[in-house]
């Protein structure tokens, strides 16, 4: 869900990777995925080892997401303050 939220809020294609199995006392859950800029999962590995591969037109996917979601237009850069310490 975090990957989907990050891709949608930033309107980017996101590739997220994670290994599977155990190493020492750590357990890795996998769940690698490719997420479109609208938050839709385009490819995933679930909890199994493998590759999440998606053939997409990145520019078209971003353009489509920006026709639907307009939240980046609501940014107010003038409200950001530069800290000069």
Protein backbone atom coordinates (compact mmCIF):
# COMPACT_ATOMS: atom_id res chain seq x y z
CA UNK A 1 0.00 0.00 0.00
CA UNK A 2 2.87 2.42 0.73
CA UNK A 3 4.31 1.92 -2.74
CA UNK A 4 0.93 2.68 -4.29
CA UNK A 5 0.51 5.82 -2.19
CA UNK A 6 4.02 7.11 -3.02
CA UNK A 7 3.55 6.54 -6.76
CA UNK A 8 0.14 8.25 -6.79
CA UNK A 9 1.04 11.23 -4.62
CA UNK A 10 4.18 11.94 -6.67
CA UNK A 11 2.63 10.85 -9.99
CA UNK A 12 5.58 8.70 -10.99
CA UNK A 13 6.16 5.12 -12.10
CA UNK A 14 7.70 3.40 -9.08
CA UNK A 15 9.75 0.21 -8.99
CA UNK A 16 9.94 -1.30 -5.51
CA UNK A 17 12.15 -4.27 -4.71
CA UNK A 18 12.71 -6.53 -1.73
CA UNK A 19 14.40 -9.87 -1.36
CA UNK A 20 12.68 -13.01 -0.11
CA UNK A 21 13.71 -15.60 2.44
CA UNK A 22 15.86 -15.35 5.55
CA UNK A 23 19.32 -14.05 6.28
CA UNK A 24 20.59 -14.42 9.82
CA UNK A 25 17.74 -13.42 12.09
CA UNK A 26 16.01 -11.33 9.44
CA UNK A 27 13.10 -12.47 7.30
CA UNK A 28 12.39 -10.75 3.98
CA UNK A 29 8.84 -10.78 2.61
CA UNK A 30 9.42 -9.99 -1.06
CA UNK A 31 6.50 -8.08 -2.54
CA UNK A 32 8.53 -6.42 -5.31
CA UNK A 33 6.34 -4.46 -7.68
CA UNK A 34 5.99 -1.89 -10.41
CA UNK A 35 3.34 0.74 -9.65
CA UNK A 36 1.86 3.23 -12.10
CA UNK A 37 1.49 6.95 -11.36
CA UNK A 38 -2.19 6.47 -10.55
CA UNK A 39 -1.34 3.94 -7.82
CA UNK A 40 -2.26 0.87 -9.88
CA UNK A 41 0.00 -2.18 -9.53
CA UNK A 42 1.33 -3.05 -13.00
CA UNK A 43 3.43 -6.08 -12.01
CA UNK A 44 4.34 -7.84 -8.76
CA UNK A 45 6.11 -10.88 -7.35
CA UNK A 46 3.91 -11.39 -4.29
CA UNK A 47 6.01 -13.18 -1.67
CA UNK A 48 7.86 -15.39 -4.14
CA UNK A 49 11.30 -14.79 -5.63
CA UNK A 50 11.19 -13.45 -9.15
CA UNK A 51 11.03 -10.33 -11.28
CA UNK A 52 8.21 -7.81 -11.49
CA UNK A 53 8.27 -6.73 -15.14
CA UNK A 54 5.90 -4.26 -16.79
CA UNK A 55 6.10 -3.00 -20.36
CA UNK A 56 4.69 0.53 -20.23
CA UNK A 57 4.90 3.89 -21.94
CA UNK A 58 6.04 5.97 -18.97
CA UNK A 59 5.15 9.34 -20.53
CA UNK A 60 1.64 8.12 -21.43
CA UNK A 61 1.05 6.64 -17.95
CA UNK A 62 2.11 9.90 -16.27
CA UNK A 63 0.03 11.99 -18.69
CA UNK A 64 -3.05 9.85 -18.02
CA UNK A 65 -2.59 10.09 -14.24
CA UNK A 66 -2.21 13.87 -14.42
CA UNK A 67 -5.43 14.20 -16.45
CA UNK A 68 -7.28 12.49 -13.59
CA UNK A 69 -5.39 13.59 -10.45
CA UNK A 70 -4.64 17.30 -10.13
CA UNK A 71 -3.18 17.48 -6.64
CA UNK A 72 0.30 18.56 -7.84
CA UNK A 73 -1.33 21.76 -9.13
CA UNK A 74 -2.23 22.58 -5.52
CA UNK A 75 1.39 22.96 -4.41
CA UNK A 76 2.34 26.39 -3.13
CA UNK A 77 6.13 26.77 -3.52
CA UNK A 78 5.88 30.32 -2.20
CA UNK A 79 4.88 28.89 1.18
CA UNK A 80 8.11 26.89 1.46
CA UNK A 81 10.76 28.53 3.53
CA UNK A 82 14.44 28.19 2.84
CA UNK A 83 16.44 27.70 6.03
CA UNK A 84 19.77 29.55 5.72
CA UNK A 85 21.42 28.38 8.93
